[in-house]
C-alpha cells in the first residue's frame, strides 16, 4: 500500500460519537410488543366476556356454547390487536412531531 492510500484511509475513519448526536436519535415504538400485548389482553378479555355471557341466564338457551366462546374471543382479540396497532402508529407519529 502506498503512503497516500494509507493516509486517505486513515482520514476516512471517523469516530461514531463525532457523527451521531444522541439527542437526535429517533425513539420509535416496537410494533411487535404492541401487537403481542394487544393480543394477550384481547384473549383474556374475550374469554372473560364470553364466559360471563354464556353463564348468564340469557345464555342458557345456546345450543353450542363453545362456538360462541370461540367466536367472541377471536373477535375481541382481533379488535384489541388492531387497537394496539393503532396506538403504536400514534406513538410513532408523536415521536416524529418535533422533527
N, C-alpha and C. Protein backbone atom coordinates (compact mmCIF):
# COMPACT_ATOMS: atom_id res chain seq x y z
N UNK A 1 0.83 -1.16 0.00
CA UNK A 1 0.00 0.00 0.00
C UNK A 1 0.89 1.24 0.00
N UNK A 2 0.55 2.15 -0.81
CA UNK A 2 1.35 3.37 -0.86
C UNK A 2 0.98 4.27 0.32
N UNK A 3 1.82 5.23 0.55
CA UNK A 3 1.62 6.11 1.70
C UNK A 3 0.39 6.99 1.53
N UNK A 4 0.06 7.39 0.32
CA UNK A 4 -1.11 8.24 0.10
C UNK A 4 -2.41 7.48 0.33
N UNK A 5 -2.45 6.19 -0.04
CA UNK A 5 -3.64 5.38 0.22
C UNK A 5 -3.83 5.19 1.71
N UNK A 6 -2.77 4.93 2.44
CA UNK A 6 -2.87 4.74 3.89
C UNK A 6 -3.35 6.02 4.56
N UNK A 7 -2.87 7.18 4.10
CA UNK A 7 -3.32 8.44 4.67
C UNK A 7 -4.79 8.70 4.35
N UNK A 8 -5.20 8.34 3.13
CA UNK A 8 -6.58 8.56 2.71
C UNK A 8 -7.53 7.67 3.54
N UNK A 9 -7.16 6.41 3.74
CA UNK A 9 -8.00 5.51 4.51
C UNK A 9 -8.07 5.94 5.97
N UNK A 10 -6.97 6.39 6.54
CA UNK A 10 -6.99 6.82 7.92
C UNK A 10 -7.79 8.11 8.09
N UNK A 11 -7.81 8.95 7.08
CA UNK A 11 -8.58 10.18 7.17
C UNK A 11 -10.08 9.91 7.01
N UNK A 12 -10.46 8.78 6.39
CA UNK A 12 -11.87 8.42 6.24
C UNK A 12 -12.44 7.81 7.51
N UNK A 13 -11.59 7.30 8.40
CA UNK A 13 -12.07 6.73 9.65
C UNK A 13 -12.55 7.85 10.55
N UNK A 14 -13.79 7.70 11.01
CA UNK A 14 -14.40 8.74 11.83
C UNK A 14 -14.98 8.07 13.07
N UNK A 15 -14.88 8.72 14.17
CA UNK A 15 -15.49 8.22 15.40
C UNK A 15 -17.01 8.33 15.29
N UNK A 16 -17.71 7.32 15.77
CA UNK A 16 -19.17 7.33 15.72
C UNK A 16 -19.72 8.46 16.56
N UNK A 17 -19.11 8.73 17.69
CA UNK A 17 -19.59 9.81 18.57
C UNK A 17 -19.51 11.18 17.89
N UNK A 18 -18.56 11.32 16.95
CA UNK A 18 -18.43 12.58 16.26
C UNK A 18 -19.52 12.77 15.20
N UNK A 19 -20.09 11.68 14.72
CA UNK A 19 -21.06 11.74 13.62
C UNK A 19 -22.50 11.75 14.14
N UNK A 20 -22.78 10.95 15.16
CA UNK A 20 -24.16 10.77 15.63
C UNK A 20 -24.37 11.56 16.91
N UNK A 21 -25.41 12.34 16.92
CA UNK A 21 -25.79 13.09 18.10
C UNK A 21 -26.89 12.32 18.83
N UNK A 22 -26.67 11.89 20.08
CA UNK A 22 -27.69 11.11 20.79
C UNK A 22 -29.00 11.86 20.96
N UNK A 23 -28.98 13.16 20.91
CA UNK A 23 -30.21 13.93 21.08
C UNK A 23 -31.11 13.82 19.86
N UNK A 24 -30.58 13.41 18.73
CA UNK A 24 -31.40 13.32 17.52
C UNK A 24 -31.80 11.90 17.19
N UNK A 25 -31.51 10.93 18.04
CA UNK A 25 -31.89 9.55 17.78
C UNK A 25 -33.40 9.43 17.95
N UNK A 26 -34.05 8.85 16.97
CA UNK A 26 -35.50 8.71 16.99
C UNK A 26 -35.90 7.52 17.83
N UNK A 27 -36.84 7.72 18.71
CA UNK A 27 -37.34 6.66 19.58
C UNK A 27 -38.64 6.10 19.00
N UNK A 28 -38.53 5.12 18.14
CA UNK A 28 -39.70 4.52 17.51
C UNK A 28 -40.21 3.38 18.38
N UNK A 29 -41.52 3.19 18.44
CA UNK A 29 -42.07 2.10 19.25
C UNK A 29 -41.79 0.74 18.60
N UNK A 30 -41.79 -0.28 19.40
CA UNK A 30 -41.62 -1.64 18.91
C UNK A 30 -43.02 -2.21 18.64
N UNK A 31 -43.32 -2.35 17.36
CA UNK A 31 -44.66 -2.77 16.96
C UNK A 31 -45.00 -4.17 17.47
N UNK A 32 -44.03 -5.05 17.46
CA UNK A 32 -44.29 -6.42 17.91
C UNK A 32 -44.78 -6.44 19.36
N UNK A 33 -44.18 -5.62 20.19
CA UNK A 33 -44.60 -5.57 21.60
C UNK A 33 -46.02 -5.05 21.73
N UNK A 34 -46.37 -4.04 20.93
CA UNK A 34 -47.73 -3.52 20.97
C UNK A 34 -48.73 -4.59 20.52
N UNK A 35 -48.43 -5.27 19.41
CA UNK A 35 -49.36 -6.28 18.90
C UNK A 35 -49.49 -7.47 19.86
N UNK A 36 -48.38 -7.89 20.44
CA UNK A 36 -48.44 -9.03 21.37
C UNK A 36 -49.23 -8.66 22.63
N UNK A 37 -49.04 -7.46 23.13
CA UNK A 37 -49.79 -7.01 24.30
C UNK A 37 -51.27 -6.91 23.97
N UNK A 38 -51.60 -6.38 22.82
CA UNK A 38 -53.00 -6.28 22.41
C UNK A 38 -53.64 -7.64 22.26
N UNK A 39 -52.92 -8.60 21.70
CA UNK A 39 -53.46 -9.95 21.53
C UNK A 39 -53.66 -10.63 22.88
N UNK A 40 -52.71 -10.46 23.79
CA UNK A 40 -52.84 -11.08 25.10
C UNK A 40 -53.99 -10.48 25.89
N UNK A 41 -54.11 -9.17 25.86
CA UNK A 41 -55.23 -8.51 26.54
C UNK A 41 -56.55 -8.94 25.91
N UNK A 42 -56.57 -9.06 24.59
CA UNK A 42 -57.78 -9.49 23.91
C UNK A 42 -58.20 -10.91 24.25
N UNK A 43 -57.23 -11.80 24.35
CA UNK A 43 -57.55 -13.18 24.74
C UNK A 43 -58.17 -13.24 26.12
N UNK A 44 -57.55 -12.56 27.07
CA UNK A 44 -58.06 -12.59 28.44
C UNK A 44 -59.43 -11.92 28.51
N UNK A 45 -59.53 -10.75 27.92
CA UNK A 45 -60.79 -10.02 27.95
C UNK A 45 -61.89 -10.78 27.21
N UNK A 46 -61.56 -11.36 26.06
CA UNK A 46 -62.54 -12.12 25.29
C UNK A 46 -63.03 -13.36 26.02
N UNK A 47 -62.11 -14.08 26.64
CA UNK A 47 -62.51 -15.26 27.41
C UNK A 47 -63.40 -14.88 28.59
N UNK A 48 -63.01 -13.85 29.32
CA UNK A 48 -63.83 -13.43 30.46
C UNK A 48 -65.22 -12.98 30.02
N UNK A 49 -65.26 -12.19 28.97
CA UNK A 49 -66.55 -11.69 28.48
C UNK A 49 -67.43 -12.83 27.96
N UNK A 50 -66.86 -13.72 27.18
CA UNK A 50 -67.67 -14.80 26.60
C UNK A 50 -68.11 -15.80 27.68
N UNK A 51 -67.26 -16.08 28.64
CA UNK A 51 -67.69 -16.99 29.71
C UNK A 51 -68.78 -16.36 30.57
N UNK A 52 -68.69 -15.05 30.77
CA UNK A 52 -69.74 -14.36 31.50
C UNK A 52 -71.06 -14.41 30.73
N UNK A 53 -71.01 -14.15 29.43
CA UNK A 53 -72.24 -14.14 28.62
C UNK A 53 -72.86 -15.53 28.50
N UNK A 54 -72.02 -16.55 28.37
CA UNK A 54 -72.54 -17.91 28.26
C UNK A 54 -73.13 -18.37 29.59
N UNK A 55 -72.55 -17.94 30.70
CA UNK A 55 -73.04 -18.34 32.02
C UNK A 55 -74.23 -17.55 32.50
N UNK A 56 -74.58 -16.47 31.83
CA UNK A 56 -75.71 -15.65 32.26
C UNK A 56 -77.03 -16.34 31.92
N UNK A 57 -78.10 -15.92 32.55
CA UNK A 57 -79.41 -16.54 32.26
C UNK A 57 -79.83 -16.42 30.79
N UNK A 58 -79.45 -15.35 30.13
CA UNK A 58 -79.83 -15.20 28.72
C UNK A 58 -79.03 -16.14 27.83
N UNK A 59 -77.89 -16.64 28.30
CA UNK A 59 -77.06 -17.54 27.51
C UNK A 59 -77.39 -19.01 27.73
N UNK A 60 -78.41 -19.30 28.53
CA UNK A 60 -78.74 -20.70 28.83
C UNK A 60 -79.36 -21.41 27.63
N UNK A 61 -79.89 -20.69 26.67
CA UNK A 61 -80.52 -21.31 25.53
C UNK A 61 -79.57 -21.57 24.36
N UNK A 62 -78.31 -21.34 24.53
CA UNK A 62 -77.35 -21.55 23.45
C UNK A 62 -77.17 -23.03 23.19
N UNK A 63 -77.16 -23.40 21.91
CA UNK A 63 -77.01 -24.81 21.55
C UNK A 63 -75.58 -25.30 21.76
N UNK A 64 -74.62 -24.54 21.26
CA UNK A 64 -73.22 -24.92 21.38
C UNK A 64 -72.45 -23.74 21.97
N UNK A 65 -72.33 -23.68 23.27
CA UNK A 65 -71.68 -22.51 23.87
C UNK A 65 -70.20 -22.40 23.50
N UNK A 66 -69.54 -23.50 23.19
CA UNK A 66 -68.13 -23.45 22.81
C UNK A 66 -67.89 -22.65 21.55
N UNK A 67 -68.83 -22.71 20.62
CA UNK A 67 -68.71 -21.94 19.38
C UNK A 67 -68.82 -20.45 19.68
N UNK A 68 -69.75 -20.09 20.54
CA UNK A 68 -69.91 -18.69 20.89
C UNK A 68 -68.69 -18.16 21.64
N UNK A 69 -68.15 -18.98 22.53
CA UNK A 69 -66.95 -18.58 23.27
C UNK A 69 -65.79 -18.36 22.30
N UNK A 70 -65.61 -19.27 21.36
CA UNK A 70 -64.51 -19.17 20.40
C UNK A 70 -64.65 -17.95 19.50
N UNK A 71 -65.83 -17.75 18.96
CA UNK A 71 -66.04 -16.62 18.04
C UNK A 71 -65.91 -15.28 18.76
N UNK A 72 -66.49 -15.16 19.92
CA UNK A 72 -66.42 -13.90 20.66
C UNK A 72 -64.98 -13.61 21.11
N UNK A 73 -64.27 -14.64 21.55
CA UNK A 73 -62.88 -14.46 21.96
C UNK A 73 -62.02 -14.05 20.76
N UNK A 74 -62.23 -14.68 19.62
CA UNK A 74 -61.46 -14.32 18.42
C UNK A 74 -61.76 -12.89 17.99
N UNK A 75 -63.02 -12.49 18.05
CA UNK A 75 -63.40 -11.13 17.65
C UNK A 75 -62.79 -10.08 18.59
N UNK A 76 -62.90 -10.32 19.90
CA UNK A 76 -62.34 -9.36 20.86
C UNK A 76 -60.83 -9.28 20.72
N UNK A 77 -60.18 -10.43 20.48
CA UNK A 77 -58.73 -10.44 20.29
C UNK A 77 -58.34 -9.65 19.05
N UNK A 78 -59.08 -9.82 17.98
CA UNK A 78 -58.79 -9.08 16.75
C UNK A 78 -58.94 -7.57 16.98
N UNK A 79 -60.00 -7.16 17.65
CA UNK A 79 -60.24 -5.74 17.87
C UNK A 79 -59.15 -5.14 18.76
N UNK A 80 -58.79 -5.82 19.83
CA UNK A 80 -57.77 -5.27 20.73
C UNK A 80 -56.39 -5.25 20.07
N UNK A 81 -56.10 -6.22 19.22
CA UNK A 81 -54.83 -6.21 18.50
C UNK A 81 -54.77 -5.05 17.51
N UNK A 82 -55.86 -4.80 16.83
CA UNK A 82 -55.90 -3.66 15.91
C UNK A 82 -55.81 -2.33 16.66
N UNK A 83 -56.45 -2.24 17.82
CA UNK A 83 -56.34 -1.03 18.63
C UNK A 83 -54.91 -0.82 19.12
N UNK A 84 -54.25 -1.90 19.49
CA UNK A 84 -52.85 -1.80 19.92
C UNK A 84 -51.97 -1.32 18.77
N UNK A 85 -52.24 -1.81 17.56
CA UNK A 85 -51.51 -1.34 16.39
C UNK A 85 -51.76 0.13 16.12
N UNK A 86 -52.99 0.57 16.32
CA UNK A 86 -53.32 1.98 16.17
C UNK A 86 -52.56 2.83 17.19
N UNK A 87 -52.50 2.36 18.42
CA UNK A 87 -51.73 3.09 19.45
C UNK A 87 -50.25 3.14 19.09
N UNK A 88 -49.72 2.07 18.49
CA UNK A 88 -48.32 2.07 18.08
C UNK A 88 -48.08 3.09 16.97
N UNK A 89 -48.99 3.18 16.03
CA UNK A 89 -48.86 4.16 14.94
C UNK A 89 -48.95 5.58 15.50
N UNK A 90 -49.85 5.81 16.44
CA UNK A 90 -49.97 7.13 17.06
C UNK A 90 -48.69 7.47 17.82
N UNK A 91 -48.15 6.51 18.55
CA UNK A 91 -46.89 6.75 19.27
C UNK A 91 -45.75 7.03 18.30
N UNK A 92 -45.75 6.34 17.17
CA UNK A 92 -44.71 6.57 16.15
C UNK A 92 -44.85 7.97 15.56
N UNK A 93 -46.05 8.40 15.31
CA UNK A 93 -46.27 9.75 14.76
C UNK A 93 -45.85 10.82 15.78
N UNK A 94 -46.13 10.56 17.06
CA UNK A 94 -45.75 11.54 18.08
C UNK A 94 -44.24 11.64 18.21
N UNK A 95 -43.53 10.54 17.93
CA UNK A 95 -42.08 10.59 18.02
C UNK A 95 -41.46 11.42 16.89
N UNK A 96 -42.23 11.61 15.82
CA UNK A 96 -41.76 12.42 14.69
C UNK A 96 -42.19 13.87 14.77
N UNK A 97 -43.05 14.20 15.71
CA UNK A 97 -43.65 15.53 15.77
C UNK A 97 -42.63 16.65 15.91
N UNK A 98 -41.59 16.47 16.70
CA UNK A 98 -40.63 17.54 16.93
C UNK A 98 -39.62 17.73 15.83
N UNK A 99 -39.67 16.93 14.78
CA UNK A 99 -38.65 16.99 13.73
C UNK A 99 -39.11 17.79 12.56
